[in-house]
N, C-alpha and C. Protein backbone atom coordinates (compact mmCIF):
# COMPACT_ATOMS: atom_id res chain seq x y z
N MET A 1 0.84 -1.19 0.00
CA MET A 1 0.00 0.00 0.00
C MET A 1 0.88 1.24 0.00
N GLN A 2 0.39 2.26 -0.63
CA GLN A 2 1.11 3.52 -0.73
C GLN A 2 0.70 4.45 0.41
N THR A 3 1.65 5.23 0.90
CA THR A 3 1.32 6.19 1.96
C THR A 3 0.69 7.43 1.32
N ILE A 4 -0.07 8.15 2.11
CA ILE A 4 -0.71 9.36 1.59
C ILE A 4 0.35 10.41 1.25
N GLY A 5 1.44 10.43 1.99
CA GLY A 5 2.53 11.35 1.68
C GLY A 5 3.16 11.06 0.33
N ASP A 6 3.41 9.77 0.04
CA ASP A 6 3.98 9.38 -1.25
C ASP A 6 3.02 9.68 -2.40
N ALA A 7 1.74 9.46 -2.17
CA ALA A 7 0.74 9.71 -3.21
C ALA A 7 0.66 11.18 -3.58
N HIS A 8 0.99 12.05 -2.65
CA HIS A 8 0.90 13.49 -2.89
C HIS A 8 2.26 14.14 -3.13
N SER A 9 3.29 13.36 -3.29
CA SER A 9 4.60 13.96 -3.56
C SER A 9 4.74 14.18 -5.06
N GLY A 10 5.49 15.16 -5.43
CA GLY A 10 5.70 15.45 -6.84
C GLY A 10 5.39 16.89 -7.17
N ARG A 11 5.46 17.19 -8.45
CA ARG A 11 5.29 18.57 -8.89
C ARG A 11 3.86 19.08 -8.77
N ASP A 12 2.88 18.21 -9.02
CA ASP A 12 1.51 18.69 -9.10
C ASP A 12 0.65 18.38 -7.87
N ALA A 13 1.25 17.90 -6.79
CA ALA A 13 0.47 17.59 -5.59
C ALA A 13 1.32 17.76 -4.35
N SER A 14 0.65 18.05 -3.26
CA SER A 14 1.35 18.12 -1.98
C SER A 14 0.35 17.80 -0.87
N TYR A 15 0.87 17.34 0.25
CA TYR A 15 0.05 16.98 1.39
C TYR A 15 0.54 17.75 2.60
N TYR A 16 -0.37 18.42 3.29
CA TYR A 16 0.00 19.24 4.44
C TYR A 16 -0.60 18.73 5.74
N GLY A 17 -1.16 17.55 5.72
CA GLY A 17 -1.78 16.99 6.91
C GLY A 17 -0.77 16.36 7.85
N GLU A 18 -1.29 15.72 8.88
CA GLU A 18 -0.44 15.12 9.92
C GLU A 18 -0.35 13.60 9.79
N ARG A 19 -0.86 13.05 8.69
CA ARG A 19 -0.90 11.59 8.56
C ARG A 19 -0.15 11.12 7.30
N SER A 20 0.94 11.74 6.96
CA SER A 20 1.63 11.43 5.71
C SER A 20 2.14 9.99 5.65
N GLU A 21 2.34 9.36 6.79
CA GLU A 21 2.84 7.97 6.82
C GLU A 21 1.73 6.93 6.82
N TRP A 22 0.48 7.35 6.88
CA TRP A 22 -0.64 6.41 6.86
C TRP A 22 -0.82 5.87 5.44
N PHE A 23 -1.31 4.63 5.36
CA PHE A 23 -1.51 3.97 4.08
C PHE A 23 -2.88 4.31 3.48
N ILE A 24 -2.91 4.43 2.16
CA ILE A 24 -4.18 4.60 1.46
C ILE A 24 -4.75 3.21 1.20
N ALA A 25 -5.93 2.95 1.74
CA ALA A 25 -6.56 1.64 1.58
C ALA A 25 -7.50 1.62 0.37
N TYR A 26 -8.22 2.72 0.15
CA TYR A 26 -9.21 2.77 -0.92
C TYR A 26 -9.53 4.23 -1.18
N SER A 27 -9.83 4.57 -2.41
CA SER A 27 -10.17 5.95 -2.76
C SER A 27 -11.36 6.00 -3.70
N VAL A 28 -12.12 7.07 -3.58
CA VAL A 28 -13.21 7.34 -4.51
C VAL A 28 -13.13 8.81 -4.91
N THR A 29 -13.69 9.11 -6.07
CA THR A 29 -13.73 10.48 -6.54
C THR A 29 -15.18 10.94 -6.68
N ARG A 30 -15.33 12.19 -7.02
CA ARG A 30 -16.66 12.75 -7.25
C ARG A 30 -17.41 11.94 -8.30
N ASP A 31 -16.69 11.41 -9.27
CA ASP A 31 -17.31 10.70 -10.39
C ASP A 31 -17.21 9.18 -10.25
N ALA A 32 -17.14 8.70 -9.02
CA ALA A 32 -16.99 7.26 -8.79
C ALA A 32 -18.16 6.47 -9.36
N SER A 33 -17.87 5.25 -9.77
CA SER A 33 -18.92 4.37 -10.27
C SER A 33 -19.78 3.88 -9.10
N ILE A 34 -20.90 3.29 -9.43
CA ILE A 34 -21.77 2.71 -8.40
C ILE A 34 -21.04 1.59 -7.67
N LEU A 35 -20.24 0.83 -8.39
CA LEU A 35 -19.46 -0.23 -7.75
C LEU A 35 -18.47 0.35 -6.75
N ASP A 36 -17.76 1.40 -7.14
CA ASP A 36 -16.81 2.04 -6.22
C ASP A 36 -17.51 2.61 -4.99
N GLU A 37 -18.67 3.24 -5.21
CA GLU A 37 -19.43 3.79 -4.07
C GLU A 37 -19.89 2.69 -3.12
N SER A 38 -20.34 1.58 -3.69
CA SER A 38 -20.79 0.45 -2.87
C SER A 38 -19.63 -0.15 -2.09
N ASN A 39 -18.50 -0.36 -2.77
CA ASN A 39 -17.33 -0.92 -2.09
C ASN A 39 -16.82 0.03 -1.01
N TRP A 40 -16.85 1.32 -1.28
CA TRP A 40 -16.44 2.32 -0.28
C TRP A 40 -17.29 2.19 0.98
N ALA A 41 -18.61 2.14 0.80
CA ALA A 41 -19.53 2.05 1.94
C ALA A 41 -19.26 0.77 2.74
N GLU A 42 -19.02 -0.33 2.04
CA GLU A 42 -18.76 -1.59 2.73
C GLU A 42 -17.42 -1.55 3.46
N PHE A 43 -16.41 -0.96 2.84
CA PHE A 43 -15.10 -0.82 3.46
C PHE A 43 -15.25 -0.04 4.77
N VAL A 44 -15.92 1.09 4.72
CA VAL A 44 -16.10 1.93 5.90
C VAL A 44 -16.88 1.19 6.98
N SER A 45 -17.92 0.45 6.59
CA SER A 45 -18.71 -0.27 7.59
C SER A 45 -17.89 -1.34 8.30
N ARG A 46 -16.97 -1.97 7.60
CA ARG A 46 -16.14 -3.00 8.22
C ARG A 46 -15.10 -2.40 9.17
N LEU A 47 -14.78 -1.15 8.99
CA LEU A 47 -13.79 -0.50 9.86
C LEU A 47 -14.42 0.24 11.04
N GLN A 48 -15.72 0.33 11.09
CA GLN A 48 -16.41 1.13 12.10
C GLN A 48 -15.99 0.84 13.53
N ASP A 49 -15.74 -0.40 13.86
CA ASP A 49 -15.50 -0.78 15.25
C ASP A 49 -14.03 -0.86 15.64
N VAL A 50 -13.13 -0.41 14.76
CA VAL A 50 -11.70 -0.45 15.09
C VAL A 50 -11.09 0.94 15.01
N ASP A 51 -9.97 1.11 15.68
CA ASP A 51 -9.24 2.37 15.65
C ASP A 51 -8.18 2.32 14.55
N GLY A 52 -7.69 3.50 14.20
CA GLY A 52 -6.56 3.58 13.30
C GLY A 52 -6.90 3.81 11.85
N TRP A 53 -8.03 4.44 11.57
CA TRP A 53 -8.38 4.76 10.19
C TRP A 53 -9.05 6.13 10.15
N ALA A 54 -9.03 6.73 8.99
CA ALA A 54 -9.65 8.04 8.80
C ALA A 54 -9.94 8.23 7.32
N VAL A 55 -10.69 9.27 7.02
CA VAL A 55 -10.95 9.66 5.63
C VAL A 55 -10.31 11.02 5.41
N GLU A 56 -9.49 11.10 4.37
CA GLU A 56 -8.84 12.35 3.99
C GLU A 56 -9.42 12.77 2.64
N ARG A 57 -9.85 14.02 2.53
CA ARG A 57 -10.35 14.54 1.26
C ARG A 57 -9.34 15.53 0.71
N SER A 58 -9.10 15.40 -0.58
CA SER A 58 -8.22 16.36 -1.25
C SER A 58 -8.88 16.82 -2.54
N GLY A 59 -8.58 18.04 -2.91
CA GLY A 59 -9.09 18.58 -4.17
C GLY A 59 -8.22 18.12 -5.31
N HIS A 60 -8.82 18.05 -6.48
CA HIS A 60 -8.08 17.64 -7.67
C HIS A 60 -8.65 18.39 -8.87
N TRP A 61 -7.78 18.94 -9.70
CA TRP A 61 -8.22 19.75 -10.83
C TRP A 61 -9.04 18.96 -11.84
N LEU A 62 -8.81 17.67 -11.95
CA LEU A 62 -9.50 16.87 -12.96
C LEU A 62 -10.79 16.23 -12.44
N VAL A 63 -10.75 15.65 -11.26
CA VAL A 63 -11.89 14.88 -10.76
C VAL A 63 -12.64 15.59 -9.63
N GLY A 64 -12.29 16.81 -9.34
CA GLY A 64 -13.01 17.59 -8.33
C GLY A 64 -12.51 17.33 -6.92
N TRP A 65 -12.65 16.11 -6.46
CA TRP A 65 -12.15 15.74 -5.14
C TRP A 65 -11.86 14.23 -5.12
N VAL A 66 -11.01 13.88 -4.17
CA VAL A 66 -10.68 12.47 -3.93
C VAL A 66 -10.81 12.23 -2.43
N ASP A 67 -11.63 11.26 -2.06
CA ASP A 67 -11.70 10.81 -0.67
C ASP A 67 -10.85 9.56 -0.56
N SER A 68 -9.91 9.58 0.37
CA SER A 68 -9.04 8.42 0.59
C SER A 68 -9.30 7.87 1.98
N LEU A 69 -9.55 6.57 2.03
CA LEU A 69 -9.67 5.88 3.30
C LEU A 69 -8.24 5.49 3.67
N ILE A 70 -7.75 6.05 4.76
CA ILE A 70 -6.36 5.80 5.15
C ILE A 70 -6.30 5.07 6.47
N VAL A 71 -5.25 4.27 6.63
CA VAL A 71 -5.08 3.49 7.86
C VAL A 71 -3.70 3.73 8.44
N LYS A 72 -3.67 3.77 9.75
CA LYS A 72 -2.41 3.97 10.47
C LYS A 72 -1.62 2.67 10.47
N PRO A 73 -0.33 2.75 10.13
CA PRO A 73 0.48 1.52 10.19
C PRO A 73 0.43 0.90 11.59
N ASP A 74 0.45 -0.39 11.66
CA ASP A 74 0.44 -1.15 12.92
C ASP A 74 -0.83 -0.97 13.73
N SER A 75 -1.92 -0.55 13.10
CA SER A 75 -3.20 -0.43 13.81
C SER A 75 -4.06 -1.65 13.48
N PRO A 76 -5.12 -1.87 14.26
CA PRO A 76 -6.03 -2.99 13.97
C PRO A 76 -6.69 -2.86 12.60
N ALA A 77 -6.77 -1.66 12.09
CA ALA A 77 -7.42 -1.44 10.79
C ALA A 77 -6.63 -2.07 9.64
N VAL A 78 -5.33 -2.20 9.78
CA VAL A 78 -4.50 -2.75 8.71
C VAL A 78 -4.91 -4.18 8.38
N ALA A 79 -5.18 -4.99 9.37
CA ALA A 79 -5.57 -6.39 9.13
C ALA A 79 -6.90 -6.45 8.37
N ILE A 80 -7.83 -5.58 8.70
CA ILE A 80 -9.12 -5.55 8.00
C ILE A 80 -8.91 -5.14 6.55
N VAL A 81 -8.07 -4.13 6.34
CA VAL A 81 -7.78 -3.67 4.98
C VAL A 81 -7.15 -4.78 4.16
N GLN A 82 -6.23 -5.50 4.73
CA GLN A 82 -5.59 -6.60 4.00
C GLN A 82 -6.61 -7.68 3.64
N GLU A 83 -7.50 -7.99 4.56
CA GLU A 83 -8.54 -8.98 4.32
C GLU A 83 -9.47 -8.53 3.19
N VAL A 84 -9.88 -7.27 3.23
CA VAL A 84 -10.78 -6.74 2.20
C VAL A 84 -10.07 -6.71 0.85
N ASN A 85 -8.81 -6.32 0.81
CA ASN A 85 -8.08 -6.31 -0.45
C ASN A 85 -7.96 -7.70 -1.06
N LYS A 86 -7.81 -8.72 -0.23
CA LYS A 86 -7.80 -10.11 -0.74
C LYS A 86 -9.15 -10.45 -1.37
N GLU A 87 -10.23 -10.03 -0.70
CA GLU A 87 -11.56 -10.27 -1.25
C GLU A 87 -11.72 -9.60 -2.61
N LEU A 88 -11.23 -8.36 -2.71
CA LEU A 88 -11.36 -7.62 -3.97
C LEU A 88 -10.53 -8.23 -5.10
N GLU A 89 -9.44 -8.90 -4.75
CA GLU A 89 -8.65 -9.59 -5.77
C GLU A 89 -9.42 -10.77 -6.36
N GLU A 90 -10.24 -11.41 -5.53
CA GLU A 90 -11.00 -12.57 -5.97
C GLU A 90 -12.30 -12.21 -6.67
N TYR A 91 -12.92 -11.11 -6.22
CA TYR A 91 -14.23 -10.71 -6.75
C TYR A 91 -14.40 -9.21 -6.52
N PRO A 92 -14.85 -8.46 -7.52
CA PRO A 92 -14.83 -6.99 -7.40
C PRO A 92 -15.94 -6.36 -6.56
N VAL A 93 -16.89 -7.16 -6.07
CA VAL A 93 -18.02 -6.61 -5.31
C VAL A 93 -17.92 -7.09 -3.86
N LEU A 94 -17.86 -6.13 -2.93
CA LEU A 94 -17.77 -6.50 -1.51
C LEU A 94 -19.12 -6.84 -0.89
N ASN A 95 -20.18 -6.20 -1.37
CA ASN A 95 -21.51 -6.43 -0.81
C ASN A 95 -22.51 -6.47 -1.95
N GLU A 96 -22.86 -7.68 -2.37
CA GLU A 96 -23.77 -7.86 -3.51
C GLU A 96 -25.12 -7.17 -3.31
N GLU A 97 -25.67 -7.27 -2.11
CA GLU A 97 -26.98 -6.69 -1.85
C GLU A 97 -26.96 -5.17 -2.00
N ASP A 98 -25.96 -4.53 -1.41
CA ASP A 98 -25.85 -3.07 -1.51
C ASP A 98 -25.64 -2.64 -2.96
N TYR A 99 -24.76 -3.35 -3.65
CA TYR A 99 -24.48 -3.01 -5.05
C TYR A 99 -25.74 -3.16 -5.90
N SER A 100 -26.47 -4.24 -5.70
CA SER A 100 -27.69 -4.48 -6.45
C SER A 100 -28.73 -3.39 -6.18
N GLU A 101 -28.86 -2.98 -4.92
CA GLU A 101 -29.81 -1.90 -4.57
C GLU A 101 -29.41 -0.58 -5.23
N ARG A 102 -28.12 -0.29 -5.27
CA ARG A 102 -27.64 0.93 -5.92
C ARG A 102 -27.88 0.88 -7.43
N GLU A 103 -27.66 -0.29 -8.03
CA GLU A 103 -27.93 -0.47 -9.46
C GLU A 103 -29.40 -0.21 -9.77
N ALA A 104 -30.27 -0.81 -8.98
CA ALA A 104 -31.71 -0.67 -9.20
C ALA A 104 -32.15 0.79 -9.02
N ALA A 105 -31.62 1.44 -8.00
CA ALA A 105 -31.98 2.85 -7.77
C ALA A 105 -31.53 3.75 -8.92
N ALA A 106 -30.33 3.51 -9.43
CA ALA A 106 -29.81 4.31 -10.54
C ALA A 106 -30.63 4.05 -11.81
N THR A 107 -31.02 2.80 -12.03
CA THR A 107 -31.82 2.44 -13.19
C THR A 107 -33.18 3.11 -13.11
N CYS A 108 -33.81 3.06 -11.95
CA CYS A 108 -35.10 3.72 -11.75
C CYS A 108 -34.99 5.22 -11.98
N GLN A 109 -33.96 5.82 -11.44
CA GLN A 109 -33.78 7.26 -11.58
C GLN A 109 -33.63 7.65 -13.06
N LEU A 110 -32.85 6.88 -13.81
CA LEU A 110 -32.66 7.20 -15.23
C LEU A 110 -33.95 7.01 -16.01
N TRP A 111 -34.62 5.88 -15.83
CA TRP A 111 -35.86 5.61 -16.56
C TRP A 111 -36.93 6.64 -16.19
N ASP A 112 -37.08 6.93 -14.91
CA ASP A 112 -38.10 7.88 -14.48
C ASP A 112 -37.82 9.29 -14.98
N GLY A 113 -36.55 9.59 -15.25
CA GLY A 113 -36.19 10.92 -15.74
C GLY A 113 -36.33 11.08 -17.25
N MET A 114 -36.61 9.99 -17.95
CA MET A 114 -36.76 10.06 -19.41
C MET A 114 -38.17 10.52 -19.77
N ASP A 115 -38.26 11.32 -20.83
CA ASP A 115 -39.60 11.68 -21.30
C ASP A 115 -40.13 10.53 -22.17
N MET A 116 -41.38 10.62 -22.56
CA MET A 116 -42.04 9.53 -23.27
C MET A 116 -41.35 9.22 -24.60
N ARG A 117 -40.89 10.24 -25.30
CA ARG A 117 -40.21 10.03 -26.59
C ARG A 117 -38.91 9.23 -26.40
N GLU A 118 -38.14 9.56 -25.36
CA GLU A 118 -36.90 8.82 -25.09
C GLU A 118 -37.20 7.38 -24.73
N ARG A 119 -38.22 7.18 -23.93
CA ARG A 119 -38.59 5.81 -23.54
C ARG A 119 -38.99 4.98 -24.76
N MET A 120 -39.80 5.59 -25.63
CA MET A 120 -40.26 4.88 -26.82
C MET A 120 -39.08 4.54 -27.75
N ARG A 121 -38.14 5.46 -27.88
CA ARG A 121 -36.96 5.19 -28.71
C ARG A 121 -36.16 4.01 -28.15
N GLU A 122 -35.97 4.00 -26.82
CA GLU A 122 -35.24 2.88 -26.19
C GLU A 122 -35.97 1.56 -26.41
N LEU A 123 -37.26 1.56 -26.25
CA LEU A 123 -38.04 0.33 -26.43
C LEU A 123 -37.95 -0.17 -27.88
N CYS A 124 -38.07 0.74 -28.84
CA CYS A 124 -37.98 0.35 -30.25
C CYS A 124 -36.60 -0.22 -30.58
N GLU A 125 -35.56 0.43 -30.07
CA GLU A 125 -34.20 -0.02 -30.36
C GLU A 125 -33.93 -1.43 -29.85
N HIS A 126 -34.68 -1.85 -28.84
CA HIS A 126 -34.44 -3.17 -28.25
C HIS A 126 -35.57 -4.16 -28.54
N GLY A 127 -36.41 -3.80 -29.51
CA GLY A 127 -37.45 -4.73 -29.97
C GLY A 127 -38.54 -4.99 -28.97
N ASN A 128 -38.79 -4.05 -28.07
CA ASN A 128 -39.85 -4.23 -27.08
C ASN A 128 -41.09 -3.41 -27.43
N SER A 129 -42.20 -3.76 -26.85
CA SER A 129 -43.47 -3.09 -27.11
C SER A 129 -43.45 -1.65 -26.60
N LEU A 130 -44.01 -0.76 -27.42
CA LEU A 130 -44.12 0.64 -27.02
C LEU A 130 -45.05 0.84 -25.83
N PHE A 131 -45.91 -0.13 -25.58
CA PHE A 131 -46.84 -0.02 -24.46
C PHE A 131 -46.12 -0.03 -23.11
N ALA A 132 -44.88 -0.47 -23.10
CA ALA A 132 -44.10 -0.47 -21.86
C ALA A 132 -43.56 0.92 -21.51
N ALA A 133 -43.76 1.88 -22.40
CA ALA A 133 -43.22 3.23 -22.17
C ALA A 133 -43.82 3.88 -20.92
N ARG A 134 -45.02 3.53 -20.58
CA ARG A 134 -45.66 4.12 -19.40
C ARG A 134 -45.32 3.37 -18.10
N ALA A 135 -44.61 2.29 -18.22
CA ALA A 135 -44.26 1.49 -17.04
C ALA A 135 -43.18 2.18 -16.21
N ASN A 136 -43.22 1.94 -14.90
CA ASN A 136 -42.10 2.41 -14.09
C ASN A 136 -40.96 1.41 -14.25
N ALA A 137 -39.80 1.71 -13.69
CA ALA A 137 -38.62 0.89 -13.94
C ALA A 137 -38.78 -0.55 -13.44
N SER A 138 -39.43 -0.75 -12.31
CA SER A 138 -39.58 -2.12 -11.83
C SER A 138 -40.54 -2.91 -12.72
N GLU A 139 -41.57 -2.26 -13.26
CA GLU A 139 -42.46 -2.91 -14.21
C GLU A 139 -41.76 -3.14 -15.55
N LEU A 140 -40.85 -2.25 -15.89
CA LEU A 140 -40.12 -2.36 -17.15
C LEU A 140 -39.38 -3.69 -17.23
N TYR A 141 -38.81 -4.11 -16.13
CA TYR A 141 -38.08 -5.38 -16.12
C TYR A 141 -38.99 -6.53 -16.55
N GLU A 142 -40.23 -6.52 -16.07
CA GLU A 142 -41.18 -7.59 -16.40
C GLU A 142 -41.70 -7.48 -17.83
N ARG A 143 -41.83 -6.25 -18.32
CA ARG A 143 -42.47 -6.04 -19.62
C ARG A 143 -41.49 -5.89 -20.79
N ALA A 144 -40.26 -5.46 -20.50
CA ALA A 144 -39.29 -5.20 -21.57
C ALA A 144 -37.88 -5.42 -21.04
N GLU A 145 -37.55 -6.66 -20.80
CA GLU A 145 -36.31 -7.02 -20.13
C GLU A 145 -35.06 -6.48 -20.86
N GLU A 146 -35.05 -6.56 -22.19
CA GLU A 146 -33.89 -6.09 -22.95
C GLU A 146 -33.66 -4.60 -22.72
N THR A 147 -34.74 -3.84 -22.77
CA THR A 147 -34.64 -2.39 -22.54
C THR A 147 -34.20 -2.11 -21.12
N TYR A 148 -34.76 -2.84 -20.16
CA TYR A 148 -34.37 -2.65 -18.76
C TYR A 148 -32.86 -2.82 -18.61
N TYR A 149 -32.31 -3.89 -19.18
CA TYR A 149 -30.87 -4.14 -19.03
C TYR A 149 -30.03 -3.06 -19.71
N HIS A 150 -30.53 -2.53 -20.83
CA HIS A 150 -29.80 -1.44 -21.48
C HIS A 150 -29.83 -0.18 -20.61
N ILE A 151 -30.96 0.13 -20.04
CA ILE A 151 -31.09 1.30 -19.16
C ILE A 151 -30.19 1.11 -17.93
N GLU A 152 -30.17 -0.09 -17.39
CA GLU A 152 -29.31 -0.40 -16.24
C GLU A 152 -27.83 -0.17 -16.60
N LEU A 153 -27.45 -0.63 -17.79
CA LEU A 153 -26.07 -0.43 -18.23
C LEU A 153 -25.74 1.05 -18.34
N LEU A 154 -26.64 1.82 -18.95
CA LEU A 154 -26.41 3.28 -19.06
C LEU A 154 -26.33 3.94 -17.69
N ALA A 155 -27.17 3.49 -16.78
CA ALA A 155 -27.23 4.13 -15.45
C ALA A 155 -26.04 3.79 -14.57
N THR A 156 -25.39 2.68 -14.85
CA THR A 156 -24.32 2.24 -13.94
C THR A 156 -22.92 2.42 -14.52
N GLU A 157 -22.80 2.96 -15.70
CA GLU A 157 -21.46 3.18 -16.28
C GLU A 157 -20.71 4.26 -15.54
């Protein structure tokens, strides 16, 4: 793992905090994917009951901000971070239920935000009935599965 001090060394970054020797366990940006947001939430929940971790936010000209979950060397948090990193090497989702709920919410938000013309275009492009255009996102899955999966893909990219 890289220290927060090392991550901010160089010409275009600097760190002025008091934790430069702490390790960066996980980071998310303003534009993080749903998967990254879900994994972040799970990471934080697993660390809730131990000492030796914090969240550091830094500004960035390209991505707006970066939140880094950092852990103090030789703290109980390091063992949890190592365990979670092993899990992530084997499978990219730490909490399937949370990730699935976030996917569904994003899909609903995108579908519900489309006007009728956009909905009809999506349905036609995927060979589904135009009558599904009035359906909400959860009904869409039952009535036009291909379109639902396309909307889900757009919402979660």
